[in-house]
Amino acid sequence: MMPLNGKGAGRMFTVKLDAGIRCAVMVHGLSRREAAKRFGVHRNTFPKMLQFSVPPPSGLF
């Protein structure tokens, strides 16, 4: 799955991708590094994604 607005900083991710990443890391115990490889997301993105139980509204960060 690809981000909505292409490559580069400030990409927006779909709710489905965000939920999949959260589930893989928090429920199934996948490491953040392995999840980053599997989902094609930079591993430094995970603290923001995992900070909230649901994805925040766009423009919050």
C-alpha atoms as a PDB file:
ATOM      1  CA  MET A   1       0.000   0.000   0.000  1.00  0.00           C
ATOM      2  CA  MET A   2       1.328   3.417  -0.896  1.00  0.00           C
ATOM      3  CA  PRO A   3       0.881   6.749   0.828  1.00  0.00           C
ATOM      4  CA  LEU A   4      -1.840   8.963  -0.622  1.00  0.00           C
ATOM      5  CA  ASN A   5       0.326  11.788  -1.920  1.00  0.00           C
ATOM      6  CA  GLY A   6       3.452  10.102  -3.278  1.00  0.00           C
ATOM      7  CA  LYS A   7       7.040  10.291  -2.086  1.00  0.00           C
ATOM      8  CA  GLY A   8       8.799  12.680   0.256  1.00  0.00           C
ATOM      9  CA  ALA A   9       8.387  14.183   3.684  1.00  0.00           C
ATOM     10  CA  GLY A  10       4.945  14.867   5.038  1.00  0.00           C
ATOM     11  CA  ARG A  11       3.291  11.862   3.399  1.00  0.00           C
ATOM     12  CA  MET A  12      -0.221  10.975   4.467  1.00  0.00           C
ATOM     13  CA  PHE A  13      -0.983   7.314   5.090  1.00  0.00           C
ATOM     14  CA  THR A  14      -4.303   5.556   4.781  1.00  0.00           C
ATOM     15  CA  VAL A  15      -6.198   4.581   7.917  1.00  0.00           C
ATOM     16  CA  LYS A  16      -5.983   0.956   6.794  1.00  0.00           C
ATOM     17  CA  LEU A  17      -2.171   1.110   6.608  1.00  0.00           C
ATOM     18  CA  ASP A  18      -1.958   2.835   9.983  1.00  0.00           C
ATOM     19  CA  ALA A  19      -4.179   0.170  11.577  1.00  0.00           C
ATOM     20  CA  GLY A  20      -2.176  -2.631   9.948  1.00  0.00           C
ATOM     21  CA  ILE A  21       1.106  -1.261  11.261  1.00  0.00           C
ATOM     22  CA  ARG A  22      -0.330  -0.715  14.749  1.00  0.00           C
ATOM     23  CA  CYS A  23      -1.706  -4.270  14.834  1.00  0.00           C
ATOM     24  CA  ALA A  24       1.534  -5.830  13.557  1.00  0.00           C
ATOM     25  CA  VAL A  25       3.672  -4.043  16.153  1.00  0.00           C
ATOM     26  CA  MET A  26       1.428  -3.888  19.209  1.00  0.00           C
ATOM     27  CA  VAL A  27      -0.639  -7.083  18.889  1.00  0.00           C
ATOM     28  CA  HIS A  28       1.538  -9.515  16.954  1.00  0.00           C
ATOM     29  CA  GLY A  29       4.846  -8.333  18.449  1.00  0.00           C
ATOM     30  CA  LEU A  30       6.566  -7.559  15.145  1.00  0.00           C
ATOM     31  CA  SER A  31       9.618  -5.356  15.623  1.00  0.00           C
ATOM     32  CA  ARG A  32       9.352  -1.790  14.356  1.00  0.00           C
ATOM     33  CA  ARG A  33      12.254  -2.387  11.977  1.00  0.00           C
ATOM     34  CA  GLU A  34      10.645  -5.507  10.488  1.00  0.00           C
ATOM     35  CA  ALA A  35       7.265  -3.770  10.208  1.00  0.00           C
ATOM     36  CA  ALA A  36       8.948  -0.842   8.441  1.00  0.00           C
ATOM     37  CA  LYS A  37      10.412  -3.221   5.855  1.00  0.00           C
ATOM     38  CA  ARG A  38       7.143  -5.118   5.447  1.00  0.00           C
ATOM     39  CA  PHE A  39       4.937  -2.027   5.024  1.00  0.00           C
ATOM     40  CA  GLY A  40       7.459   0.183   3.177  1.00  0.00           C
ATOM     41  CA  VAL A  41       7.467   2.930   5.815  1.00  0.00           C
ATOM     42  CA  HIS A  42      10.562   4.547   7.351  1.00  0.00           C
ATOM     43  CA  ARG A  43      11.076   3.280  10.898  1.00  0.00           C
ATOM     44  CA  ASN A  44      11.322   6.826  12.288  1.00  0.00           C
ATOM     45  CA  THR A  45       7.645   7.262  11.366  1.00  0.00           C
ATOM     46  CA  PHE A  46       6.495   4.711  13.958  1.00  0.00           C
ATOM     47  CA  PRO A  47       6.609   6.884  17.112  1.00  0.00           C
ATOM     48  CA  LYS A  48       4.041   9.221  15.555  1.00  0.00           C
ATOM     49  CA  MET A  49       1.894   6.368  14.257  1.00  0.00           C
ATOM     50  CA  LEU A  50       1.905   4.470  17.550  1.00  0.00           C
ATOM     51  CA  GLN A  51       1.407   7.512  19.791  1.00  0.00           C
ATOM     52  CA  PHE A  52      -2.388   7.478  19.390  1.00  0.00           C
ATOM     53  CA  SER A  53      -4.881   4.606  19.556  1.00  0.00           C
ATOM     54  CA  VAL A  54      -6.549   5.951  16.398  1.00  0.00           C
ATOM     55  CA  PRO A  55      -4.941   8.014  13.638  1.00  0.00           C
ATOM     56  CA  PRO A  56      -5.030  11.743  14.459  1.00  0.00           C
ATOM     57  CA  PRO A  57      -6.829  14.146  12.129  1.00  0.00           C
ATOM     58  CA  SER A  58      -4.705  15.404   9.249  1.00  0.00           C
ATOM     59  CA  GLY A  59      -2.732  18.534  10.032  1.00  0.00           C
ATOM     60  CA  LEU A  60      -2.180  17.661  13.702  1.00  0.00           C
ATOM     61  CA  PHE A  61       1.574  17.202  13.179  1.00  0.00           C
END
